[in-house]
Amino acid sequence: MINPDKSSVKTPQKCITINDHEVHWIERTTTIKGILYGLFIICIALFVADAFYHKHIVFEVQSLFGFYAIFGFFMCVGLVLAAKFLRLFLMRNEDYYDSDR
């Protein structure tokens, strides 16, 4: 087993430390920013690519530029709002399963 205290490999990236232990690579601020920038670039590229292919539409609204990106965004927001609404009815107390003890 590798002892992280005696490891000779040190990372130059800025890391957040908790209790004097270095966090996992996925939790580094530089990694998080890189993932977010990559996702933004992919989303913008797919949005722009919408102008360069022929669409087989069923409804006229589907021919609008960026329709699927906009539709997907609003449906994702709708799912989050629906989940928040359902939470009002489905949420239980913190000790719901432990209430008999």
N, C-alpha and C. Protein backbone atom coordinates (compact mmCIF):
# COMPACT_ATOMS: atom_id res chain seq x y z
N MET A 1 0.84 -1.17 0.00
CA MET A 1 0.00 0.00 0.00
C MET A 1 0.89 1.24 0.00
N ILE A 2 0.47 2.27 -0.68
CA ILE A 2 1.24 3.50 -0.78
C ILE A 2 0.89 4.42 0.38
N ASN A 3 1.90 4.92 1.02
CA ASN A 3 1.71 5.86 2.11
C ASN A 3 1.73 7.27 1.53
N PRO A 4 0.60 8.00 1.58
CA PRO A 4 0.57 9.33 0.96
C PRO A 4 1.47 10.33 1.67
N ASP A 5 1.82 10.09 2.94
CA ASP A 5 2.70 11.01 3.66
C ASP A 5 4.14 10.92 3.16
N LYS A 6 4.53 9.75 2.64
CA LYS A 6 5.90 9.56 2.18
C LYS A 6 6.00 9.57 0.66
N SER A 7 4.96 9.96 -0.03
CA SER A 7 4.97 9.99 -1.49
C SER A 7 5.89 11.10 -1.98
N SER A 8 6.65 10.80 -3.02
CA SER A 8 7.56 11.80 -3.57
C SER A 8 6.89 12.64 -4.65
N VAL A 9 5.69 12.29 -5.04
CA VAL A 9 4.97 13.02 -6.07
C VAL A 9 4.16 14.13 -5.41
N LYS A 10 4.45 15.36 -5.78
CA LYS A 10 3.71 16.51 -5.27
C LYS A 10 3.05 17.21 -6.44
N THR A 11 1.84 17.69 -6.24
CA THR A 11 1.11 18.35 -7.31
C THR A 11 1.29 19.87 -7.19
N PRO A 12 1.56 20.54 -8.33
CA PRO A 12 1.76 21.98 -8.27
C PRO A 12 0.46 22.78 -8.24
N GLN A 13 -0.69 22.14 -8.50
CA GLN A 13 -1.95 22.86 -8.52
C GLN A 13 -2.35 23.30 -7.12
N LYS A 14 -3.14 24.37 -7.11
CA LYS A 14 -3.68 24.86 -5.84
C LYS A 14 -4.71 23.87 -5.35
N CYS A 15 -4.57 23.42 -4.12
CA CYS A 15 -5.47 22.43 -3.54
C CYS A 15 -6.10 22.98 -2.28
N ILE A 16 -7.27 22.52 -1.99
CA ILE A 16 -7.94 22.85 -0.74
C ILE A 16 -7.56 21.76 0.25
N THR A 17 -7.07 22.13 1.40
CA THR A 17 -6.71 21.13 2.39
C THR A 17 -7.70 21.15 3.53
N ILE A 18 -8.04 19.96 3.98
CA ILE A 18 -8.94 19.79 5.12
C ILE A 18 -8.21 18.93 6.13
N ASN A 19 -8.05 19.43 7.33
CA ASN A 19 -7.36 18.71 8.41
C ASN A 19 -5.95 18.27 7.98
N ASP A 20 -5.25 19.15 7.29
CA ASP A 20 -3.88 18.91 6.84
C ASP A 20 -3.73 17.72 5.90
N HIS A 21 -4.81 17.30 5.23
CA HIS A 21 -4.75 16.24 4.23
C HIS A 21 -5.12 16.84 2.87
N GLU A 22 -4.36 16.47 1.86
CA GLU A 22 -4.64 16.97 0.52
C GLU A 22 -5.87 16.26 -0.04
N VAL A 23 -6.74 17.01 -0.68
CA VAL A 23 -7.97 16.44 -1.21
C VAL A 23 -7.71 15.72 -2.53
N HIS A 24 -8.68 14.97 -2.96
CA HIS A 24 -8.60 14.19 -4.19
C HIS A 24 -8.47 15.13 -5.39
N TRP A 25 -7.90 14.67 -6.49
CA TRP A 25 -7.66 15.51 -7.66
C TRP A 25 -8.96 16.09 -8.22
N ILE A 26 -10.08 15.40 -8.09
CA ILE A 26 -11.33 15.88 -8.67
C ILE A 26 -11.89 17.05 -7.87
N GLU A 27 -11.42 17.24 -6.65
CA GLU A 27 -11.91 18.33 -5.81
C GLU A 27 -11.05 19.58 -5.88
N ARG A 28 -9.97 19.55 -6.64
CA ARG A 28 -9.12 20.73 -6.78
C ARG A 28 -9.88 21.82 -7.54
N THR A 29 -9.64 23.06 -7.18
CA THR A 29 -10.33 24.16 -7.84
C THR A 29 -9.97 24.26 -9.32
N THR A 30 -8.72 23.93 -9.66
CA THR A 30 -8.33 24.00 -11.07
C THR A 30 -9.03 22.92 -11.89
N THR A 31 -9.23 21.75 -11.32
CA THR A 31 -9.93 20.68 -12.03
C THR A 31 -11.40 21.03 -12.23
N ILE A 32 -12.03 21.58 -11.21
CA ILE A 32 -13.44 21.96 -11.31
C ILE A 32 -13.63 23.04 -12.37
N LYS A 33 -12.75 24.04 -12.37
CA LYS A 33 -12.84 25.10 -13.38
C LYS A 33 -12.62 24.54 -14.78
N GLY A 34 -11.68 23.63 -14.92
CA GLY A 34 -11.42 23.02 -16.23
C GLY A 34 -12.62 22.24 -16.74
N ILE A 35 -13.27 21.48 -15.86
CA ILE A 35 -14.45 20.72 -16.26
C ILE A 35 -15.57 21.66 -16.67
N LEU A 36 -15.79 22.72 -15.89
CA LEU A 36 -16.85 23.67 -16.23
C LEU A 36 -16.58 24.38 -17.55
N TYR A 37 -15.35 24.85 -17.76
CA TYR A 37 -15.01 25.49 -19.03
C TYR A 37 -15.18 24.52 -20.19
N GLY A 38 -14.78 23.28 -20.01
CA GLY A 38 -14.97 22.28 -21.06
C GLY A 38 -16.43 22.06 -21.39
N LEU A 39 -17.28 21.98 -20.36
CA LEU A 39 -18.71 21.82 -20.60
C LEU A 39 -19.31 23.03 -21.31
N PHE A 40 -18.88 24.23 -20.92
CA PHE A 40 -19.37 25.44 -21.59
C PHE A 40 -18.98 25.45 -23.06
N ILE A 41 -17.76 25.07 -23.36
CA ILE A 41 -17.30 25.05 -24.74
C ILE A 41 -18.08 24.03 -25.56
N ILE A 42 -18.32 22.86 -25.00
CA ILE A 42 -19.08 21.83 -25.70
C ILE A 42 -20.51 22.30 -25.95
N CYS A 43 -21.14 22.92 -24.95
CA CYS A 43 -22.51 23.41 -25.12
C CYS A 43 -22.59 24.50 -26.19
N ILE A 44 -21.66 25.41 -26.19
CA ILE A 44 -21.66 26.48 -27.20
C ILE A 44 -21.40 25.89 -28.58
N ALA A 45 -20.48 24.95 -28.69
CA ALA A 45 -20.19 24.33 -29.99
C ALA A 45 -21.41 23.59 -30.53
N LEU A 46 -22.12 22.87 -29.67
CA LEU A 46 -23.33 22.17 -30.12
C LEU A 46 -24.44 23.13 -30.50
N PHE A 47 -24.54 24.24 -29.78
CA PHE A 47 -25.54 25.26 -30.10
C PHE A 47 -25.26 25.87 -31.47
N VAL A 48 -24.00 26.18 -31.76
CA VAL A 48 -23.63 26.76 -33.05
C VAL A 48 -23.76 25.72 -34.16
N ALA A 49 -23.45 24.46 -33.87
CA ALA A 49 -23.55 23.40 -34.88
C ALA A 49 -24.97 23.19 -35.36
N ASP A 50 -25.93 23.67 -34.60
CA ASP A 50 -27.34 23.54 -34.98
C ASP A 50 -27.64 24.24 -36.31
N ALA A 51 -26.83 25.21 -36.69
CA ALA A 51 -27.06 25.95 -37.92
C ALA A 51 -26.52 25.22 -39.16
N PHE A 52 -25.75 24.15 -38.97
CA PHE A 52 -25.04 23.56 -40.09
C PHE A 52 -25.52 22.17 -40.51
N TYR A 53 -26.69 21.77 -40.10
CA TYR A 53 -27.20 20.48 -40.56
C TYR A 53 -28.69 20.60 -40.88
N HIS A 54 -29.16 19.69 -41.73
CA HIS A 54 -30.56 19.69 -42.14
C HIS A 54 -31.40 18.97 -41.09
N LYS A 55 -32.48 19.61 -40.71
CA LYS A 55 -33.36 19.03 -39.68
C LYS A 55 -34.59 18.42 -40.34
N HIS A 56 -34.99 17.27 -39.87
CA HIS A 56 -36.23 16.64 -40.31
C HIS A 56 -37.28 16.96 -39.26
N ILE A 57 -38.02 18.03 -39.50
CA ILE A 57 -38.93 18.54 -38.48
C ILE A 57 -40.32 17.94 -38.61
N VAL A 58 -41.01 17.88 -37.50
CA VAL A 58 -42.41 17.45 -37.46
C VAL A 58 -43.29 18.68 -37.20
N PHE A 59 -42.84 19.52 -36.28
CA PHE A 59 -43.54 20.76 -35.96
C PHE A 59 -42.69 21.94 -36.42
N GLU A 60 -43.33 23.01 -36.82
CA GLU A 60 -42.62 24.17 -37.36
C GLU A 60 -41.65 24.79 -36.35
N VAL A 61 -41.97 24.72 -35.08
CA VAL A 61 -41.12 25.31 -34.06
C VAL A 61 -39.76 24.62 -33.99
N GLN A 62 -39.66 23.39 -34.44
CA GLN A 62 -38.39 22.66 -34.41
C GLN A 62 -37.38 23.22 -35.40
N SER A 63 -37.81 24.03 -36.33
CA SER A 63 -36.88 24.59 -37.31
C SER A 63 -36.16 25.83 -36.80
N LEU A 64 -36.55 26.34 -35.64
CA LEU A 64 -35.89 27.51 -35.08
C LEU A 64 -34.45 27.19 -34.69
N PHE A 65 -33.57 28.18 -34.84
CA PHE A 65 -32.15 28.00 -34.49
C PHE A 65 -32.02 27.79 -32.98
N GLY A 66 -31.35 26.71 -32.58
CA GLY A 66 -31.11 26.42 -31.18
C GLY A 66 -32.32 25.91 -30.44
N PHE A 67 -33.33 25.43 -31.15
CA PHE A 67 -34.56 24.99 -30.49
C PHE A 67 -34.30 23.88 -29.47
N TYR A 68 -33.53 22.88 -29.85
CA TYR A 68 -33.32 21.74 -28.95
C TYR A 68 -32.50 22.12 -27.73
N ALA A 69 -31.55 23.03 -27.88
CA ALA A 69 -30.78 23.50 -26.72
C ALA A 69 -31.66 24.29 -25.76
N ILE A 70 -32.46 25.16 -26.31
CA ILE A 70 -33.36 25.97 -25.48
C ILE A 70 -34.42 25.09 -24.84
N PHE A 71 -34.99 24.18 -25.60
CA PHE A 71 -36.00 23.26 -25.07
C PHE A 71 -35.42 22.40 -23.95
N GLY A 72 -34.22 21.88 -24.17
CA GLY A 72 -33.58 21.05 -23.15
C GLY A 72 -33.29 21.83 -21.88
N PHE A 73 -32.86 23.08 -22.03
CA PHE A 73 -32.59 23.91 -20.85
C PHE A 73 -33.86 24.13 -20.04
N PHE A 74 -34.93 24.52 -20.71
CA PHE A 74 -36.17 24.79 -19.99
C PHE A 74 -36.78 23.52 -19.39
N MET A 75 -36.63 22.39 -20.04
CA MET A 75 -37.13 21.14 -19.47
C MET A 75 -36.31 20.73 -18.24
N CYS A 76 -35.01 20.99 -18.26
CA CYS A 76 -34.17 20.71 -17.10
C CYS A 76 -34.57 21.59 -15.93
N VAL A 77 -34.80 22.88 -16.19
CA VAL A 77 -35.27 23.78 -15.14
C VAL A 77 -36.63 23.32 -14.62
N GLY A 78 -37.50 22.88 -15.54
CA GLY A 78 -38.81 22.38 -15.14
C GLY A 78 -38.73 21.15 -14.25
N LEU A 79 -37.79 20.26 -14.54
CA LEU A 79 -37.61 19.08 -13.70
C LEU A 79 -37.15 19.46 -12.29
N VAL A 80 -36.26 20.43 -12.20
CA VAL A 80 -35.78 20.86 -10.89
C VAL A 80 -36.93 21.49 -10.10
N LEU A 81 -37.72 22.34 -10.75
CA LEU A 81 -38.85 22.97 -10.07
C LEU A 81 -39.90 21.94 -9.66
N ALA A 82 -40.16 20.96 -10.51
CA ALA A 82 -41.11 19.90 -10.17
C ALA A 82 -40.61 19.08 -8.98
N ALA A 83 -39.31 18.82 -8.93
CA ALA A 83 -38.74 18.08 -7.81
C ALA A 83 -38.86 18.88 -6.51
N LYS A 84 -38.64 20.18 -6.59
CA LYS A 84 -38.80 21.01 -5.39
C LYS A 84 -40.25 21.02 -4.92
N PHE A 85 -41.18 21.01 -5.86
CA PHE A 85 -42.60 20.97 -5.50
C PHE A 85 -42.97 19.62 -4.88
N LEU A 86 -42.49 18.53 -5.47
CA LEU A 86 -42.77 17.19 -4.94
C LEU A 86 -42.14 16.99 -3.56
N ARG A 87 -41.05 17.67 -3.31
CA ARG A 87 -40.38 17.57 -2.02
C ARG A 87 -41.29 17.99 -0.88
N LEU A 88 -42.18 18.93 -1.14
CA LEU A 88 -43.11 19.39 -0.11
C LEU A 88 -44.00 18.26 0.38
N PHE A 89 -44.35 17.33 -0.51
CA PHE A 89 -45.25 16.24 -0.16
C PHE A 89 -44.53 14.97 0.26
N LEU A 90 -43.34 14.74 -0.28
CA LEU A 90 -42.64 13.48 -0.06
C LEU A 90 -41.60 13.51 1.05
N MET A 91 -41.20 14.71 1.48
CA MET A 91 -40.15 14.80 2.48
C MET A 91 -40.62 14.30 3.84
N ARG A 92 -39.75 13.57 4.51
CA ARG A 92 -40.02 13.03 5.83
C ARG A 92 -39.09 13.69 6.84
N ASN A 93 -39.41 13.55 8.11
CA ASN A 93 -38.54 14.07 9.15
C ASN A 93 -37.20 13.36 9.12
N GLU A 94 -36.21 14.01 9.69
CA GLU A 94 -34.86 13.45 9.68
C GLU A 94 -34.79 12.10 10.38
N ASP A 95 -35.58 11.92 11.43
CA ASP A 95 -35.57 10.65 12.18
C ASP A 95 -36.76 9.77 11.84
N TYR A 96 -37.23 9.84 10.61
CA TYR A 96 -38.42 9.07 10.19
C TYR A 96 -38.23 7.57 10.39
N TYR A 97 -37.11 7.04 9.98
CA TYR A 97 -36.86 5.60 10.09
C TYR A 97 -36.35 5.21 11.47
N ASP A 98 -35.91 6.18 12.25
CA ASP A 98 -35.37 5.93 13.58
C ASP A 98 -36.34 6.33 14.68
N SER A 99 -37.56 6.65 14.35
CA SER A 99 -38.49 7.21 15.33
C SER A 99 -38.89 6.23 16.42
N ASP A 100 -38.77 4.92 16.19
CA ASP A 100 -39.17 3.94 17.21
C ASP A 100 -38.10 3.68 18.25
N ARG A 101 -36.93 4.23 18.11
CA ARG A 101 -35.84 4.00 19.07
C ARG A 101 -35.85 5.00 20.18
